[in-house]
Amino acid sequence: MLAMALLDSGFAVRTAASAAEALVEARRRTPSLVLADAVMPEMDGFQLCAAFRGDPGLGGVPVVLLAASQPDARFRERGVTAGATDYLTKPIDLPRLIQVIRGLSA
């Protein structure tokens, strides 16, 4: 649903079924920005973010983590350590998301 809303707002969107798939696809074609759920099986959003930061070709790509609730201090610390650019809570406020995307793309 989020991908459809972003497409309807004029953004080019690519999706991935997992964090590992997102990393492979990003290495094929570098994205302008990544939206990643903080909690995912196998590789979570923090690990994905750290993988982006550790990759010379992807290190500068902004990564916005999506959280199910307001991030607490521990969550923010993990995000800072992993190199997250920003955090948004669910349910996603589409106007806020668009504002963040445009701000990071400028």
PDB file of N, CA and C in Angstrom:
ATOM      1  N   MET A   1       0.828  -1.191   0.000  1.00  0.00           N
ATOM      2  CA  MET A   1       0.000   0.000   0.000  1.00  0.00           C
ATOM      3  C   MET A   1       0.872   1.255   0.000  1.00  0.00           C
ATOM      4  N   LEU A   2       1.966   1.200   0.737  1.00  0.00           N
ATOM      5  CA  LEU A   2       2.868   2.344   0.787  1.00  0.00           C
ATOM      6  C   LEU A   2       3.487   2.590  -0.594  1.00  0.00           C
ATOM      7  N   ALA A   3       3.890   1.524  -1.265  1.00  0.00           N
ATOM      8  CA  ALA A   3       4.462   1.664  -2.611  1.00  0.00           C
ATOM      9  C   ALA A   3       3.455   2.294  -3.561  1.00  0.00           C
ATOM     10  N   MET A   4       2.215   1.873  -3.492  1.00  0.00           N
ATOM     11  CA  MET A   4       1.174   2.433  -4.363  1.00  0.00           C
ATOM     12  C   MET A   4       0.959   3.920  -4.067  1.00  0.00           C
ATOM     13  N   ALA A   5       0.934   4.277  -2.800  1.00  0.00           N
ATOM     14  CA  ALA A   5       0.742   5.679  -2.424  1.00  0.00           C
ATOM     15  C   ALA A   5       1.899   6.537  -2.935  1.00  0.00           C
ATOM     16  N   LEU A   6       3.114   6.021  -2.861  1.00  0.00           N
ATOM     17  CA  LEU A   6       4.269   6.769  -3.359  1.00  0.00           C
ATOM     18  C   LEU A   6       4.252   6.872  -4.880  1.00  0.00           C
ATOM     19  N   LEU A   7       3.852   5.794  -5.547  1.00  0.00           N
ATOM     20  CA  LEU A   7       3.705   5.835  -7.008  1.00  0.00           C
ATOM     21  C   LEU A   7       2.667   6.886  -7.399  1.00  0.00           C
ATOM     22  N   ASP A   8       1.553   6.897  -6.687  1.00  0.00           N
ATOM     23  CA  ASP A   8       0.487   7.872  -6.965  1.00  0.00           C
ATOM     24  C   ASP A   8       0.951   9.309  -6.716  1.00  0.00           C
ATOM     25  N   SER A   9       1.984   9.456  -5.873  1.00  0.00           N
ATOM     26  CA  SER A   9       2.524  10.784  -5.564  1.00  0.00           C
ATOM     27  C   SER A   9       3.647  11.178  -6.512  1.00  0.00           C
ATOM     28  N   GLY A  10       3.916  10.325  -7.506  1.00  0.00           N
ATOM     29  CA  GLY A  10       4.891  10.667  -8.530  1.00  0.00           C
ATOM     30  C   GLY A  10       6.298  10.148  -8.325  1.00  0.00           C
ATOM     31  N   PHE A  11       6.499   9.299  -7.325  1.00  0.00           N
ATOM     32  CA  PHE A  11       7.833   8.748  -7.076  1.00  0.00           C
ATOM     33  C   PHE A  11       8.032   7.443  -7.836  1.00  0.00           C
ATOM     34  N   ALA A  12       9.258   7.196  -8.252  1.00  0.00           N
ATOM     35  CA  ALA A  12       9.623   5.896  -8.816  1.00  0.00           C
ATOM     36  C   ALA A  12       9.861   4.968  -7.628  1.00  0.00           C
ATOM     37  N   VAL A  13       9.282   3.785  -7.649  1.00  0.00           N
ATOM     38  CA  VAL A  13       9.359   2.873  -6.509  1.00  0.00           C
ATOM     39  C   VAL A  13       9.781   1.493  -6.972  1.00  0.00           C
ATOM     40  N   ARG A  14      10.711   0.914  -6.231  1.00  0.00           N
ATOM     41  CA  ARG A  14      11.066  -0.493  -6.415  1.00  0.00           C
ATOM     42  C   ARG A  14      10.874  -1.158  -5.061  1.00  0.00           C
ATOM     43  N   THR A  15      10.345  -2.356  -5.065  1.00  0.00           N
ATOM     44  CA  THR A  15      10.113  -3.078  -3.814  1.00  0.00           C
ATOM     45  C   THR A  15      10.962  -4.341  -3.779  1.00  0.00           C
ATOM     46  N   ALA A  16      11.148  -4.856  -2.579  1.00  0.00           N
ATOM     47  CA  ALA A  16      11.882  -6.103  -2.381  1.00  0.00           C
ATOM     48  C   ALA A  16      11.143  -6.926  -1.343  1.00  0.00           C
ATOM     49  N   ALA A  17      11.205  -8.239  -1.493  1.00  0.00           N
ATOM     50  CA  ALA A  17      10.511  -9.141  -0.574  1.00  0.00           C
ATOM     51  C   ALA A  17      11.256  -9.333   0.740  1.00  0.00           C
ATOM     52  N   SER A  18      12.531  -8.957   0.773  1.00  0.00           N
ATOM     53  CA  SER A  18      13.328  -9.115   1.993  1.00  0.00           C
ATOM     54  C   SER A  18      14.458  -8.093   1.994  1.00  0.00           C
ATOM     55  N   ALA A  19      15.088  -7.924   3.132  1.00  0.00           N
ATOM     56  CA  ALA A  19      16.222  -7.009   3.234  1.00  0.00           C
ATOM     57  C   ALA A  19      17.377  -7.507   2.368  1.00  0.00           C
ATOM     58  N   ALA A  20      17.601  -8.811   2.355  1.00  0.00           N
ATOM     59  CA  ALA A  20      18.683  -9.374   1.541  1.00  0.00           C
ATOM     60  C   ALA A  20      18.444  -9.084   0.061  1.00  0.00           C
ATOM     61  N   GLU A  21      17.205  -9.233  -0.380  1.00  0.00           N
ATOM     62  CA  GLU A  21      16.862  -8.936  -1.771  1.00  0.00           C
ATOM     63  C   GLU A  21      17.050  -7.451  -2.056  1.00  0.00           C
ATOM     64  N   ALA A  22      16.682  -6.599  -1.121  1.00  0.00           N
ATOM     65  CA  ALA A  22      16.844  -5.157  -1.296  1.00  0.00           C
ATOM     66  C   ALA A  22      18.316  -4.800  -1.474  1.00  0.00           C
ATOM     67  N   LEU A  23      19.174  -5.430  -0.712  1.00  0.00           N
ATOM     68  CA  LEU A  23      20.606  -5.170  -0.804  1.00  0.00           C
ATOM     69  C   LEU A  23      21.154  -5.596  -2.171  1.00  0.00           C
ATOM     70  N   VAL A  24      20.746  -6.761  -2.635  1.00  0.00           N
ATOM     71  CA  VAL A  24      21.183  -7.244  -3.951  1.00  0.00           C
ATOM     72  C   VAL A  24      20.709  -6.289  -5.044  1.00  0.00           C
ATOM     73  N   GLU A  25      19.442  -5.899  -4.992  1.00  0.00           N
ATOM     74  CA  GLU A  25      18.882  -4.998  -6.003  1.00  0.00           C
ATOM     75  C   GLU A  25      19.545  -3.625  -5.951  1.00  0.00           C
ATOM     76  N   ALA A  26      19.840  -3.146  -4.759  1.00  0.00           N
ATOM     77  CA  ALA A  26      20.484  -1.838  -4.616  1.00  0.00           C
ATOM     78  C   ALA A  26      21.890  -1.857  -5.222  1.00  0.00           C
ATOM     79  N   ARG A  27      22.559  -2.977  -5.117  1.00  0.00           N
ATOM     80  CA  ARG A  27      23.899  -3.088  -5.713  1.00  0.00           C
ATOM     81  C   ARG A  27      23.819  -3.122  -7.235  1.00  0.00           C
ATOM     82  N   ARG A  28      22.720  -3.593  -7.767  1.00  0.00           N
ATOM     83  CA  ARG A  28      22.517  -3.596  -9.224  1.00  0.00           C
ATOM     84  C   ARG A  28      22.197  -2.202  -9.738  1.00  0.00           C
ATOM     85  N   ARG A  29      21.351  -1.510  -8.989  1.00  0.00           N
ATOM     86  CA  ARG A  29      20.897  -0.172  -9.390  1.00  0.00           C
ATOM     87  C   ARG A  29      20.697   0.650  -8.120  1.00  0.00           C
ATOM     88  N   THR A  30      21.618   1.557  -7.877  1.00  0.00           N
ATOM     89  CA  THR A  30      21.634   2.325  -6.635  1.00  0.00           C
ATOM     90  C   THR A  30      20.371   3.172  -6.476  1.00  0.00           C
ATOM     91  N   PRO A  31      19.672   2.989  -5.365  1.00  0.00           N
ATOM     92  CA  PRO A  31      18.461   3.796  -5.118  1.00  0.00           C
ATOM     93  C   PRO A  31      18.817   5.188  -4.602  1.00  0.00           C
ATOM     94  N   SER A  32      17.873   6.109  -4.689  1.00  0.00           N
ATOM     95  CA  SER A  32      18.062   7.449  -4.129  1.00  0.00           C
ATOM     96  C   SER A  32      17.803   7.447  -2.632  1.00  0.00           C
ATOM     97  N   LEU A  33      16.969   6.499  -2.195  1.00  0.00           N
ATOM     98  CA  LEU A  33      16.549   6.443  -0.798  1.00  0.00           C
ATOM     99  C   LEU A  33      15.980   5.056  -0.530  1.00  0.00           C
ATOM    100  N   VAL A  34      16.121   4.588   0.700  1.00  0.00           N
ATOM    101  CA  VAL A  34      15.571   3.287   1.090  1.00  0.00           C
ATOM    102  C   VAL A  34      14.637   3.484   2.274  1.00  0.00           C
ATOM    103  N   LEU A  35      13.456   2.901   2.173  1.00  0.00           N
ATOM    104  CA  LEU A  35      12.528   2.817   3.303  1.00  0.00           C
ATOM    105  C   LEU A  35      12.571   1.368   3.755  1.00  0.00           C
ATOM    106  N   ALA A  36      12.879   1.139   5.013  1.00  0.00           N
ATOM    107  CA  ALA A  36      12.994  -0.233   5.507  1.00  0.00           C
ATOM    108  C   ALA A  36      12.298  -0.379   6.850  1.00  0.00           C
ATOM    109  N   ASP A  37      11.547  -1.456   6.977  1.00  0.00           N
ATOM    110  CA  ASP A  37      10.926  -1.762   8.253  1.00  0.00           C
ATOM    111  C   ASP A  37      12.038  -2.111   9.237  1.00  0.00           C
ATOM    112  N   ALA A  38      11.949  -1.599  10.437  1.00  0.00           N
ATOM    113  CA  ALA A  38      12.972  -1.891  11.440  1.00  0.00           C
ATOM    114  C   ALA A  38      12.952  -3.367  11.838  1.00  0.00           C
ATOM    115  N   VAL A  39      11.771  -3.957  11.860  1.00  0.00           N
ATOM    116  CA  VAL A  39      11.633  -5.353  12.279  1.00  0.00           C
ATOM    117  C   VAL A  39      11.260  -6.208  11.072  1.00  0.00           C
ATOM    118  N   MET A  40      12.205  -7.051  10.664  1.00  0.00           N
ATOM    119  CA  MET A  40      12.001  -7.988   9.557  1.00  0.00           C
ATOM    120  C   MET A  40      12.702  -9.284   9.931  1.00  0.00           C
ATOM    121  N   PRO A  41      12.234 -10.404   9.390  1.00  0.00           N
ATOM    122  CA  PRO A  41      12.912 -11.673   9.670  1.00  0.00           C
ATOM    123  C   PRO A  41      14.258 -11.735   8.946  1.00  0.00           C
ATOM    124  N   GLU A  42      15.120 -12.569   9.428  1.00  0.00           N
ATOM    125  CA  GLU A  42      16.443 -12.844   8.857  1.00  0.00           C
ATOM    126  C   GLU A  42      17.385 -11.650   8.968  1.00  0.00           C
ATOM    127  N   MET A  43      17.111 -10.554   8.275  1.00  0.00           N
ATOM    128  CA  MET A  43      17.925  -9.345   8.357  1.00  0.00           C
ATOM    129  C   MET A  43      16.977  -8.195   8.657  1.00  0.00           C
ATOM    130  N   ASP A  44      17.175  -7.524   9.797  1.00  0.00           N
ATOM    131  CA  ASP A  44      16.264  -6.425  10.134  1.00  0.00           C
ATOM    132  C   ASP A  44      16.729  -5.122   9.491  1.00  0.00           C
ATOM    133  N   GLY A  45      15.964  -4.076   9.693  1.00  0.00           N
ATOM    134  CA  GLY A  45      16.277  -2.787   9.095  1.00  0.00           C
ATOM    135  C   GLY A  45      17.592  -2.206   9.572  1.00  0.00           C
ATOM    136  N   PHE A  46      17.954  -2.478  10.830  1.00  0.00           N
ATOM    137  CA  PHE A  46      19.221  -1.988  11.364  1.00  0.00           C
ATOM    138  C   PHE A  46      20.394  -2.666  10.647  1.00  0.00           C
ATOM    139  N   GLN A  47      20.279  -3.967  10.450  1.00  0.00           N
ATOM    140  CA  GLN A  47      21.330  -4.709   9.747  1.00  0.00           C
ATOM    141  C   GLN A  47      21.418  -4.272   8.284  1.00  0.00           C
ATOM    142  N   LEU A  48      20.270  -4.039   7.674  1.00  0.00           N
ATOM    143  CA  LEU A  48      20.258  -3.560   6.292  1.00  0.00           C
ATOM    144  C   LEU A  48      20.943  -2.200   6.207  1.00  0.00           C
ATOM    145  N   CYS A  49      20.612  -1.324   7.114  1.00  0.00           N
ATOM    146  CA  CYS A  49      21.211  -0.002   7.146  1.00  0.00           C
ATOM    147  C   CYS A  49      22.732  -0.107   7.317  1.00  0.00           C
ATOM    148  N   ALA A  50      23.186  -0.942   8.232  1.00  0.00           N
ATOM    149  CA  ALA A  50      24.622  -1.133   8.450  1.00  0.00           C
ATOM    150  C   ALA A  50      25.288  -1.691   7.192  1.00  0.00           C
ATOM    151  N   ALA A  51      24.604  -2.585   6.478  1.00  0.00           N
ATOM    152  CA  ALA A  51      25.147  -3.139   5.238  1.00  0.00           C
ATOM    153  C   ALA A  51      25.295  -2.039   4.193  1.00  0.00           C
ATOM    154  N   PHE A  52      24.334  -1.138   4.113  1.00  0.00           N
ATOM    155  CA  PHE A  52      24.437  -0.008   3.189  1.00  0.00           C
ATOM    156  C   PHE A  52      25.627   0.869   3.570  1.00  0.00           C
ATOM    157  N   ARG A  53      25.764   1.161   4.851  1.00  0.00           N
ATOM    158  CA  ARG A  53      26.859   2.034   5.301  1.00  0.00           C
ATOM    159  C   ARG A  53      28.222   1.392   5.063  1.00  0.00           C
ATOM    160  N   GLY A  54      28.284   0.079   5.104  1.00  0.00           N
ATOM    161  CA  GLY A  54      29.543  -0.626   4.903  1.00  0.00           C
ATOM    162  C   GLY A  54      29.891  -0.884   3.453  1.00  0.00           C
ATOM    163  N   ASP A  55      29.006  -0.539   2.541  1.00  0.00           N
ATOM    164  CA  ASP A  55      29.228  -0.776   1.116  1.00  0.00           C
ATOM    165  C   ASP A  55      29.651   0.539   0.456  1.00  0.00           C
ATOM    166  N   PRO A  56      30.837   0.586  -0.166  1.00  0.00           N
ATOM    167  CA  PRO A  56      31.309   1.839  -0.768  1.00  0.00           C
ATOM    168  C   PRO A  56      30.343   2.436  -1.801  1.00  0.00           C
ATOM    169  N   GLY A  57      29.611   1.615  -2.522  1.00  0.00           N
ATOM    170  CA  GLY A  57      28.688   2.117  -3.528  1.00  0.00           C
ATOM    171  C   GLY A  57      27.349   2.556  -2.972  1.00  0.00           C
ATOM    172  N   LEU A  58      27.040   2.146  -1.758  1.00  0.00           N
ATOM    173  CA  LEU A  58      25.723   2.438  -1.178  1.00  0.00           C
ATOM    174  C   LEU A  58      25.795   3.276   0.093  1.00  0.00           C
ATOM    175  N   GLY A  59      26.991   3.555   0.572  1.00  0.00           N
ATOM    176  CA  GLY A  59      27.169   4.222   1.856  1.00  0.00           C
ATOM    177  C   GLY A  59      26.473   5.559   1.997  1.00  0.00           C
ATOM    178  N   GLY A  60      26.279   6.267   0.890  1.00  0.00           N
ATOM    179  CA  GLY A  60      25.643   7.578   0.951  1.00  0.00           C
ATOM    180  C   GLY A  60      24.146   7.580   0.741  1.00  0.00           C
ATOM    181  N   VAL A  61      23.557   6.404   0.531  1.00  0.00           N
ATOM    182  CA  VAL A  61      22.114   6.316   0.294  1.00  0.00           C
ATOM    183  C   VAL A  61      21.367   6.521   1.618  1.00  0.00           C
ATOM    184  N   PRO A  62      20.450   7.483   1.689  1.00  0.00           N
ATOM    185  CA  PRO A  62      19.673   7.663   2.916  1.00  0.00           C
ATOM    186  C   PRO A  62      18.800   6.432   3.195  1.00  0.00           C
ATOM    187  N   VAL A  63      18.770   6.019   4.453  1.00  0.00           N
ATOM    188  CA  VAL A  63      17.934   4.895   4.871  1.00  0.00           C
ATOM    189  C   VAL A  63      17.007   5.384   5.972  1.00  0.00           C
ATOM    190  N   VAL A  64      15.709   5.308   5.700  1.00  0.00           N
ATOM    191  CA  VAL A  64      14.691   5.709   6.668  1.00  0.00           C
ATOM    192  C   VAL A  64      14.065   4.438   7.228  1.00  0.00           C
ATOM    193  N   LEU A  65      14.132   4.291   8.546  1.00  0.00           N
ATOM    194  CA  LEU A  65      13.560   3.115   9.197  1.00  0.00           C
ATOM    195  C   LEU A  65      12.116   3.379   9.603  1.00  0.00           C
ATOM    196  N   LEU A  66      11.279   2.394   9.380  1.00  0.00           N
ATOM    197  CA  LEU A  66       9.868   2.465   9.747  1.00  0.00           C
ATOM    198  C   LEU A  66       9.662   1.636  11.009  1.00  0.00           C
ATOM    199  N   ALA A  67       9.071   2.238  12.014  1.00  0.00           N
ATOM    200  CA  ALA A  67       8.879   1.576  13.303  1.00  0.00           C
ATOM    201  C   ALA A  67       7.394   1.450  13.616  1.00  0.00           C
ATOM    202  N   ALA A  68       7.041   0.377  14.307  1.00  0.00           N
ATOM    203  CA  ALA A  68       5.644   0.136  14.659  1.00  0.00           C
ATOM    204  C   ALA A  68       5.153   1.072  15.751  1.00  0.00           C
ATOM    205  N   SER A  69       6.056   1.625  16.537  1.00  0.00           N
ATOM    206  CA  SER A  69       5.671   2.555  17.597  1.00  0.00           C
ATOM    207  C   SER A  69       6.743   3.628  17.706  1.00  0.00           C
ATOM    208  N   GLN A  70       6.477   4.636  18.509  1.00  0.00           N
ATOM    209  CA  GLN A  70       7.440   5.721  18.682  1.00  0.00           C
ATOM    210  C   GLN A  70       8.780   5.145  19.134  1.00  0.00           C
ATOM    211  N   PRO A  71       9.851   5.413  18.377  1.00  0.00           N
ATOM    212  CA  PRO A  71      11.157   4.858  18.747  1.00  0.00           C
ATOM    213  C   PRO A  71      11.604   5.324  20.125  1.00  0.00           C
ATOM    214  N   ASP A  72      12.033   4.369  20.951  1.00  0.00           N
ATOM    215  CA  ASP A  72      12.557   4.726  22.261  1.00  0.00           C
ATOM    216  C   ASP A  72      14.064   4.970  22.136  1.00  0.00           C
ATOM    217  N   ALA A  73      14.701   5.287  23.249  1.00  0.00           N
ATOM    218  CA  ALA A  73      16.126   5.625  23.233  1.00  0.00           C
ATOM    219  C   ALA A  73      16.972   4.468  22.710  1.00  0.00           C
ATOM    220  N   ARG A  74      16.629   3.240  23.073  1.00  0.00           N
ATOM    221  CA  ARG A  74      17.395   2.075  22.614  1.00  0.00           C
ATOM    222  C   ARG A  74      17.274   1.900  21.102  1.00  0.00           C
ATOM    223  N   PHE A  75      16.074   2.088  20.598  1.00  0.00           N
ATOM    224  CA  PHE A  75      15.834   1.998  19.158  1.00  0.00           C
ATOM    225  C   PHE A  75      16.656   3.060  18.429  1.00  0.00           C
ATOM    226  N   ARG A  76      16.584   4.289  18.918  1.00  0.00           N
ATOM    227  CA  ARG A  76      17.329   5.381  18.283  1.00  0.00           C
ATOM    228  C   ARG A  76      18.827   5.119  18.340  1.00  0.00           C
ATOM    229  N   GLU A  77      19.322   4.586  19.438  1.00  0.00           N
ATOM    230  CA  GLU A  77      20.746   4.270  19.557  1.00  0.00           C
ATOM    231  C   GLU A  77      21.156   3.219  18.532  1.00  0.00           C
ATOM    232  N   ARG A  78      20.348   2.184  18.392  1.00  0.00           N
ATOM    233  CA  ARG A  78      20.624   1.164  17.365  1.00  0.00           C
ATOM    234  C   ARG A  78      20.615   1.777  15.974  1.00  0.00           C
ATOM    235  N   GLY A  79      19.662   2.671  15.726  1.00  0.00           N
ATOM    236  CA  GLY A  79      19.572   3.331  14.429  1.00  0.00           C
ATOM    237  C   GLY A  79      20.774   4.217  14.147  1.00  0.00           C
ATOM    238  N   VAL A  80      21.193   4.982  15.147  1.00  0.00           N
ATOM    239  CA  VAL A  80      22.360   5.854  14.986  1.00  0.00           C
ATOM    240  C   VAL A  80      23.602   5.007  14.719  1.00  0.00           C
ATOM    241  N   THR A  81      23.756   3.946  15.470  1.00  0.00           N
ATOM    242  CA  THR A  81      24.903   3.051  15.288  1.00  0.00           C
ATOM    243  C   THR A  81      24.907   2.450  13.887  1.00  0.00           C
ATOM    244  N   ALA A  82      23.730   2.087  13.391  1.00  0.00           N
ATOM    245  CA  ALA A  82      23.619   1.489  12.056  1.00  0.00           C
ATOM    246  C   ALA A  82      23.723   2.532  10.948  1.00  0.00           C
ATOM    247  N   GLY A  83      23.513   3.800  11.277  1.00  0.00           N
ATOM    248  CA  GLY A  83      23.598   4.865  10.281  1.00  0.00           C
ATOM    249  C   GLY A  83      22.276   5.275   9.663  1.00  0.00           C
ATOM    250  N   ALA A  84      21.165   5.035  10.377  1.00  0.00           N
ATOM    251  CA  ALA A  84      19.847   5.436   9.860  1.00  0.00           C
ATOM    252  C   ALA A  84      19.783   6.954   9.686  1.00  0.00           C
ATOM    253  N   THR A  85      19.122   7.378   8.627  1.00  0.00           N
ATOM    254  CA  THR A  85      18.985   8.793   8.328  1.00  0.00           C
ATOM    255  C   THR A  85      17.807   9.413   9.071  1.00  0.00           C
ATOM    256  N   ASP A  86      16.723   8.633   9.220  1.00  0.00           N
ATOM    257  CA  ASP A  86      15.514   9.150   9.869  1.00  0.00           C
ATOM    258  C   ASP A  86      14.660   7.962  10.294  1.00  0.00           C
ATOM    259  N   TYR A  87      13.607   8.248  11.057  1.00  0.00           N
ATOM    260  CA  TYR A  87      12.658   7.249  11.530  1.00  0.00           C
ATOM    261  C   TYR A  87      11.249   7.770  11.313  1.00  0.00           C
ATOM    262  N   LEU A  88      10.357   6.878  10.931  1.00  0.00           N
ATOM    263  CA  LEU A  88       8.939   7.217  10.843  1.00  0.00           C
ATOM    264  C   LEU A  88       8.165   6.111  11.545  1.00  0.00           C
ATOM    265  N   THR A  89       7.077   6.494  12.196  1.00  0.00           N
ATOM    266  CA  THR A  89       6.272   5.495  12.884  1.00  0.00           C
ATOM    267  C   THR A  89       5.043   5.135  12.063  1.00  0.00           C
ATOM    268  N   LYS A  90       4.573   3.914  12.293  1.00  0.00           N
ATOM    269  CA  LYS A  90       3.363   3.422  11.636  1.00  0.00           C
ATOM    270  C   LYS A  90       2.176   3.740  12.532  1.00  0.00           C
ATOM    271  N   PRO A  91       1.022   3.954  11.992  1.00  0.00           N
ATOM    272  CA  PRO A  91       0.750   4.034  10.563  1.00  0.00           C
ATOM    273  C   PRO A  91       1.457   5.245   9.966  1.00  0.00           C
ATOM    274  N   ILE A  92       1.930   5.083   8.744  1.00  0.00           N
ATOM    275  CA  ILE A  92       2.711   6.118   8.089  1.00  0.00           C
ATOM    276  C   ILE A  92       1.819   7.303   7.715  1.00  0.00           C
ATOM    277  N   ASP A  93       2.264   8.473   8.088  1.00  0.00           N
ATOM    278  CA  ASP A  93       1.609   9.729   7.715  1.00  0.00           C
ATOM    279  C   ASP A  93       2.179  10.093   6.342  1.00  0.00           C
ATOM    280  N   LEU A  94       1.415   9.863   5.279  1.00  0.00           N
ATOM    281  CA  LEU A  94       1.902  10.047   3.914  1.00  0.00           C
ATOM    282  C   LEU A  94       2.447  11.449   3.645  1.00  0.00           C
ATOM    283  N   PRO A  95       1.764  12.519   4.054  1.00  0.00           N
ATOM    284  CA  PRO A  95       2.349  13.850   3.815  1.00  0.00           C
ATOM    285  C   PRO A  95       3.709  14.019   4.503  1.00  0.00           C
ATOM    286  N   ARG A  96       3.844  13.474   5.703  1.00  0.00           N
ATOM    287  CA  ARG A  96       5.140  13.545   6.419  1.00  0.00           C
ATOM    288  C   ARG A  96       6.193  12.740   5.670  1.00  0.00           C
ATOM    289  N   LEU A  97       5.841  11.549   5.199  1.00  0.00           N
ATOM    290  CA  LEU A  97       6.779  10.709   4.453  1.00  0.00           C
ATOM    291  C   LEU A  97       7.247  11.438   3.193  1.00  0.00           C
ATOM    292  N   ILE A  98       6.322  12.032   2.469  1.00  0.00           N
ATOM    293  CA  ILE A  98       6.671  12.761   1.250  1.00  0.00           C
ATOM    294  C   ILE A  98       7.607  13.924   1.580  1.00  0.00           C
ATOM    295  N   GLN A  99       7.340  14.610   2.679  1.00  0.00           N
ATOM    296  CA  GLN A  99       8.199  15.706   3.124  1.00  0.00           C
ATOM    297  C   GLN A  99       9.614  15.186   3.408  1.00  0.00           C
ATOM    298  N   VAL A 100       9.719  14.064   4.095  1.00  0.00           N
ATOM    299  CA  VAL A 100      11.033  13.483   4.413  1.00  0.00           C
ATOM    300  C   VAL A 100      11.757  13.088   3.133  1.00  0.00           C
ATOM    301  N   ILE A 101      11.055  12.431   2.229  1.00  0.00           N
ATOM    302  CA  ILE A 101      11.670  11.985   0.972  1.00  0.00           C
ATOM    303  C   ILE A 101      12.168  13.200   0.180  1.00  0.00           C
ATOM    304  N   ARG A 102      11.354  14.196   0.057  1.00  0.00           N
ATOM    305  CA  ARG A 102      11.770  15.391  -0.709  1.00  0.00           C
ATOM    306  C   ARG A 102      12.944  16.093  -0.034  1.00  0.00           C
ATOM    307  N   GLY A 103      12.937  16.122   1.291  1.00  0.00           N
ATOM    308  CA  GLY A 103      14.048  16.745   2.017  1.00  0.00           C
ATOM    309  C   GLY A 103      15.350  15.994   1.846  1.00  0.00           C
ATOM    310  N   LEU A 104      15.279  14.684   1.796  1.00  0.00           N
ATOM    311  CA  LEU A 104      16.491  13.871   1.635  1.00  0.00           C
ATOM    312  C   LEU A 104      16.951  13.827   0.189  1.00  0.00           C
ATOM    313  N   SER A 105      16.051  14.091  -0.732  1.00  0.00           N
ATOM    314  CA  SER A 105      16.395  14.059  -2.151  1.00  0.00           C
ATOM    315  C   SER A 105      16.928  15.392  -2.655  1.00  0.00           C
ATOM    316  N   ALA A 106      16.764  16.440  -1.857  1.00  0.00           N
ATOM    317  CA  ALA A 106      17.172  17.793  -2.282  1.00  0.00           C
ATOM    318  C   ALA A 106      18.676  17.954  -2.295  1.00  0.00           C
TER     319      ALA A 106
END
